Amino acid sequence: MTYGCFNRKPFIDQVLVQDGWTVATMPGAEGQATTRRPRMITIPFRMARDCQYQKDDKYNDPGCVGCKHNLKEAPASE
């Protein structure tokens, strides 16, 4: 079994998110009607791009062996 992050595609560089609402007045049969529409903006992707696996021994976990995002070797202990 492997994890959902196993050899996943690279993350995107920007994300489209909602930043409040815009209010529009529309003429209607009974006077003025207002409506809201989401205001969308693009922001940079800020999550970590490297492996964030938190189990005690991620370097020998069978679900991680062979994943391109896993470090090739464990960091040196002090």
C-alpha atoms as a PDB file:
ATOM      1  CA  MET A   1       0.000   0.000   0.000  1.00  0.00           C
ATOM      2  CA  THR A   2       1.186   3.539  -0.747  1.00  0.00           C
ATOM      3  CA  TYR A   3      -0.041   6.893   0.520  1.00  0.00           C
ATOM      4  CA  GLY A   4      -2.093   9.400  -1.471  1.00  0.00           C
ATOM      5  CA  CYS A   5       0.933  11.675  -1.842  1.00  0.00           C
ATOM      6  CA  PHE A   6       3.061   8.922  -3.419  1.00  0.00           C
ATOM      7  CA  ASN A   7       4.688  10.362  -6.577  1.00  0.00           C
ATOM      8  CA  ARG A   8       1.956  12.997  -6.836  1.00  0.00           C
ATOM      9  CA  LYS A   9       2.052  15.692  -9.495  1.00  0.00           C
ATOM     10  CA  PRO A  10       3.849  18.934  -8.562  1.00  0.00           C
ATOM     11  CA  PHE A  11       1.748  21.569  -6.837  1.00  0.00           C
ATOM     12  CA  ILE A  12       0.466  24.522  -8.850  1.00  0.00           C
ATOM     13  CA  ASP A  13       2.154  27.934  -8.507  1.00  0.00           C
ATOM     14  CA  GLN A  14      -1.002  29.981  -7.872  1.00  0.00           C
ATOM     15  CA  VAL A  15      -4.417  29.348  -6.333  1.00  0.00           C
ATOM     16  CA  LEU A  16      -7.741  31.022  -7.149  1.00  0.00           C
ATOM     17  CA  VAL A  17      -9.566  31.971  -3.905  1.00  0.00           C
ATOM     18  CA  GLN A  18     -12.554  34.060  -2.895  1.00  0.00           C
ATOM     19  CA  ASP A  19     -11.858  37.500  -1.415  1.00  0.00           C
ATOM     20  CA  GLY A  20     -15.253  38.774  -0.331  1.00  0.00           C
ATOM     21  CA  TRP A  21     -18.219  39.759  -2.461  1.00  0.00           C
ATOM     22  CA  THR A  22     -19.169  42.342  -5.037  1.00  0.00           C
ATOM     23  CA  VAL A  23     -22.692  43.755  -4.835  1.00  0.00           C
ATOM     24  CA  ALA A  24     -24.531  44.586  -8.034  1.00  0.00           C
ATOM     25  CA  THR A  25     -27.848  46.376  -8.449  1.00  0.00           C
ATOM     26  CA  MET A  26     -30.040  44.889 -11.113  1.00  0.00           C
ATOM     27  CA  PRO A  27     -33.215  46.489 -12.471  1.00  0.00           C
ATOM     28  CA  GLY A  28     -36.211  44.267 -11.822  1.00  0.00           C
ATOM     29  CA  ALA A  29     -39.950  44.273 -12.412  1.00  0.00           C
ATOM     30  CA  GLU A  30     -40.563  45.614  -8.903  1.00  0.00           C
ATOM     31  CA  GLY A  31     -37.822  48.213  -8.666  1.00  0.00           C
ATOM     32  CA  GLN A  32     -34.160  47.621  -7.885  1.00  0.00           C
ATOM     33  CA  ALA A  33     -32.845  44.171  -6.875  1.00  0.00           C
ATOM     34  CA  THR A  34     -29.370  43.555  -5.483  1.00  0.00           C
ATOM     35  CA  THR A  35     -27.271  40.463  -5.890  1.00  0.00           C
ATOM     36  CA  ARG A  36     -23.871  39.310  -4.661  1.00  0.00           C
ATOM     37  CA  ARG A  37     -21.122  37.712  -6.683  1.00  0.00           C
ATOM     38  CA  PRO A  38     -17.889  36.290  -5.282  1.00  0.00           C
ATOM     39  CA  ARG A  39     -14.771  38.396  -5.836  1.00  0.00           C
ATOM     40  CA  MET A  40     -12.006  36.017  -6.903  1.00  0.00           C
ATOM     41  CA  ILE A  41      -8.272  36.709  -6.653  1.00  0.00           C
ATOM     42  CA  THR A  42      -5.131  34.708  -7.417  1.00  0.00           C
ATOM     43  CA  ILE A  43      -2.592  34.163  -4.640  1.00  0.00           C
ATOM     44  CA  PRO A  44       0.769  32.354  -4.643  1.00  0.00           C
ATOM     45  CA  PHE A  45       0.825  28.761  -3.394  1.00  0.00           C
ATOM     46  CA  ARG A  46       2.486  28.839   0.058  1.00  0.00           C
ATOM     47  CA  MET A  47       2.362  25.243   1.307  1.00  0.00           C
ATOM     48  CA  ALA A  48       5.565  23.261   1.722  1.00  0.00           C
ATOM     49  CA  ARG A  49       6.485  21.425  -1.452  1.00  0.00           C
ATOM     50  CA  ASP A  50       8.724  18.797   0.106  1.00  0.00           C
ATOM     51  CA  CYS A  51       7.633  15.636   1.929  1.00  0.00           C
ATOM     52  CA  GLN A  52       5.873  16.429   5.206  1.00  0.00           C
ATOM     53  CA  TYR A  53       5.426  12.852   6.417  1.00  0.00           C
ATOM     54  CA  GLN A  54       5.442  12.888  10.236  1.00  0.00           C
ATOM     55  CA  LYS A  55       5.705   9.231  11.257  1.00  0.00           C
ATOM     56  CA  ASP A  56       8.701   8.227  13.416  1.00  0.00           C
ATOM     57  CA  ASP A  57      10.606   6.400  10.668  1.00  0.00           C
ATOM     58  CA  LYS A  58       9.593   7.770   7.293  1.00  0.00           C
ATOM     59  CA  TYR A  59      12.757   6.569   5.574  1.00  0.00           C
ATOM     60  CA  ASN A  60      11.889   2.871   5.961  1.00  0.00           C
ATOM     61  CA  ASP A  61       8.102   3.123   5.785  1.00  0.00           C
ATOM     62  CA  PRO A  62       6.906   0.650   3.118  1.00  0.00           C
ATOM     63  CA  GLY A  63       4.328   3.185   1.887  1.00  0.00           C
ATOM     64  CA  CYS A  64       7.111   5.694   1.120  1.00  0.00           C
ATOM     65  CA  VAL A  65       9.785   3.497  -0.461  1.00  0.00           C
ATOM     66  CA  GLY A  66      10.296   4.591  -4.074  1.00  0.00           C
ATOM     67  CA  CYS A  67       8.437   7.902  -3.794  1.00  0.00           C
ATOM     68  CA  LYS A  68      10.128  10.733  -5.699  1.00  0.00           C
ATOM     69  CA  HIS A  69       9.287  13.196  -2.892  1.00  0.00           C
ATOM     70  CA  ASN A  70      11.001  11.180  -0.163  1.00  0.00           C
ATOM     71  CA  LEU A  71      14.531  12.201   0.792  1.00  0.00           C
ATOM     72  CA  LYS A  72      17.106   9.779  -0.571  1.00  0.00           C
ATOM     73  CA  GLU A  73      18.657   9.207   2.842  1.00  0.00           C
ATOM     74  CA  ALA A  74      17.907  10.033   6.452  1.00  0.00           C
ATOM     75  CA  PRO A  75      19.498  13.222   7.824  1.00  0.00           C
ATOM     76  CA  ALA A  76      22.558  12.755  10.000  1.00  0.00           C
ATOM     77  CA  SER A  77      21.691  12.635  13.683  1.00  0.00           C
ATOM     78  CA  GLU A  78      23.613  14.855  16.063  1.00  0.00           C
END
